[in-house]
Every structure is written in structure tokens, then in C-alpha cells.
């Protein structure tokens, strides 16, 4: 059984018991999270595709971690002009353990 959910402007394929890293969500570790925008649902035999979402379907889980990804470097450079700018960025994320998929 799996579902495709939309969260943070992205789409994710999720299964029960899977840990999903999404864009930062409000809440502390252990808080319940529900994804109501289920775009597709499959129970192994039947597939339901939403237009645009599957009615009555939801994915529930709880937050297991609030953290930041690895640092990426943003380096701007223009040759022969002595122009260099170096900047780092760490994107915050929320790790969610998927508990149930309901349709």
C-alpha cells in the first residue's frame, strides 16, 4: 500500500513505516502530522488517481526530527573583475514517520 502526497511544493511517494523528509513543518518532535493532499492511492490491486486530490484520503504520521540538511556553498564569480561572493546555506527539514494511510 502506498500513496503520493503533496507537501511543501513537492510530491512524495510514501509507504507505511517509512521516514519522509519534507520542507520544515511547524511542530515539536512527537507531534502528529496529517497530509490531506493525497494525489494518488494504491492498495496493491486498485489504484485511485485524484482530480486533483483523492476524496476522503489522508496520510498520518508523527514528527521524529527537526533538523538542517548539509551545507551547500553558493559561489558567485566574474572573471577579470575581482568579483567573488561566497555564501553558505543549510535548508531546514522535518523528518516524519508515516503511521497510517487511510482511503
Protein backbone atom coordinates (compact mmCIF):
# COMPACT_ATOMS: atom_id res chain seq x y z
CA UNK A 1 0.00 0.00 0.00
CA UNK A 2 1.37 3.39 -0.97
CA UNK A 3 0.25 6.93 -1.70
CA UNK A 4 1.56 10.03 -3.43
CA UNK A 5 1.22 13.18 -1.30
CA UNK A 6 1.96 16.84 -1.91
CA UNK A 7 3.86 18.71 0.81
CA UNK A 8 5.96 21.84 0.64
CA UNK A 9 5.52 22.26 -3.12
CA UNK A 10 6.86 18.77 -3.85
CA UNK A 11 5.35 15.33 -4.36
CA UNK A 12 6.42 12.25 -2.42
CA UNK A 13 5.63 8.53 -2.74
CA UNK A 14 5.10 7.19 0.80
CA UNK A 15 4.50 3.82 2.42
CA UNK A 16 3.62 2.86 5.99
CA UNK A 17 6.66 2.79 8.29
CA UNK A 18 8.76 4.99 6.02
CA UNK A 19 10.62 8.11 7.21
CA UNK A 20 9.93 11.08 4.95
CA UNK A 21 11.99 14.30 4.90
CA UNK A 22 9.85 17.27 3.86
CA UNK A 23 10.25 21.03 3.98
CA UNK A 24 10.08 22.41 7.51
CA UNK A 25 6.73 21.95 9.25
CA UNK A 26 5.63 23.62 12.47
CA UNK A 27 5.59 21.31 15.48
CA UNK A 28 7.79 19.59 18.03
CA UNK A 29 9.20 16.07 17.95
CA UNK A 30 6.37 13.62 18.59
CA UNK A 31 3.62 15.89 17.24
CA UNK A 32 1.03 14.39 14.90
CA UNK A 33 1.08 15.40 11.22
CA UNK A 34 -1.62 14.79 8.60
CA UNK A 35 -1.14 15.15 4.84
CA UNK A 36 -4.56 15.80 3.30
CA UNK A 37 -3.40 16.40 -0.26
CA UNK A 38 -3.25 12.78 -1.45
CA UNK A 39 -2.79 12.81 -5.23
CA UNK A 40 -2.81 9.03 -5.73
CA UNK A 41 -3.57 5.96 -3.62
CA UNK A 42 -2.88 2.27 -4.28
CA UNK A 43 -3.72 -0.75 -2.12
CA UNK A 44 -1.83 -3.22 -4.31
CA UNK A 45 -4.72 -4.10 -6.62
CA UNK A 46 -6.76 -0.92 -7.07
CA UNK A 47 -5.34 2.47 -7.94
CA UNK A 48 -7.21 5.72 -7.27
CA UNK A 49 -5.98 8.85 -9.01
CA UNK A 50 -7.27 12.17 -7.70
CA UNK A 51 -8.62 15.03 -9.77
CA UNK A 52 -6.70 16.86 -8.28
CA UNK A 53 -6.87 15.02 -4.90
CA UNK A 54 -8.39 11.72 -3.76
CA UNK A 55 -11.53 12.49 -1.75
CA UNK A 56 -11.50 11.18 1.83
CA UNK A 57 -7.87 10.02 1.73
CA UNK A 58 -5.24 11.12 4.21
CA UNK A 59 -1.76 10.12 5.33
CA UNK A 60 -0.95 10.41 9.03
CA UNK A 61 2.36 10.31 10.84
CA UNK A 62 4.39 11.94 13.58
CA UNK A 63 7.50 14.10 13.64
CA UNK A 64 10.70 12.27 14.55
CA UNK A 65 13.28 15.00 13.82
CA UNK A 66 13.62 18.72 13.12
CA UNK A 67 16.98 19.46 11.53
CA UNK A 68 19.02 21.01 8.73
CA UNK A 69 20.48 19.43 5.60
CA UNK A 70 24.19 19.51 4.77
CA UNK A 71 25.64 22.90 3.91
CA UNK A 72 25.82 23.89 0.27
CA UNK A 73 28.10 26.64 -0.99
CA UNK A 74 26.81 29.41 -3.22
CA UNK A 75 29.81 30.90 -5.02
CA UNK A 76 29.43 33.80 -7.45
CA UNK A 77 32.39 34.73 -9.65
CA UNK A 78 33.06 37.07 -12.57
CA UNK A 79 36.36 36.62 -14.30
CA UNK A 80 38.77 39.57 -14.66
CA UNK A 81 36.56 41.79 -12.49
CA UNK A 82 37.75 40.81 -8.96
CA UNK A 83 34.17 39.85 -8.11
CA UNK A 84 33.77 36.89 -5.75
CA UNK A 85 30.95 36.19 -3.29
CA UNK A 86 30.87 33.10 -1.12
CA UNK A 87 27.80 32.17 0.89
CA UNK A 88 26.62 29.01 2.64
CA UNK A 89 23.08 27.71 3.06
CA UNK A 90 21.51 24.94 5.17
CA UNK A 91 17.91 24.09 4.31
CA UNK A 92 15.72 23.18 7.31
CA UNK A 93 13.70 19.95 7.13
CA UNK A 94 11.24 17.88 9.14
CA UNK A 95 11.52 14.08 9.25
CA UNK A 96 8.09 12.41 9.51
CA UNK A 97 7.47 8.73 10.26
CA UNK A 98 4.41 7.58 8.28
CA UNK A 99 1.98 5.72 10.57
CA UNK A 100 -1.16 5.11 8.51
CA UNK A 101 -2.52 5.59 5.01
CA UNK A 102 -6.31 5.93 5.01
CA UNK A 103 -8.55 5.99 1.94
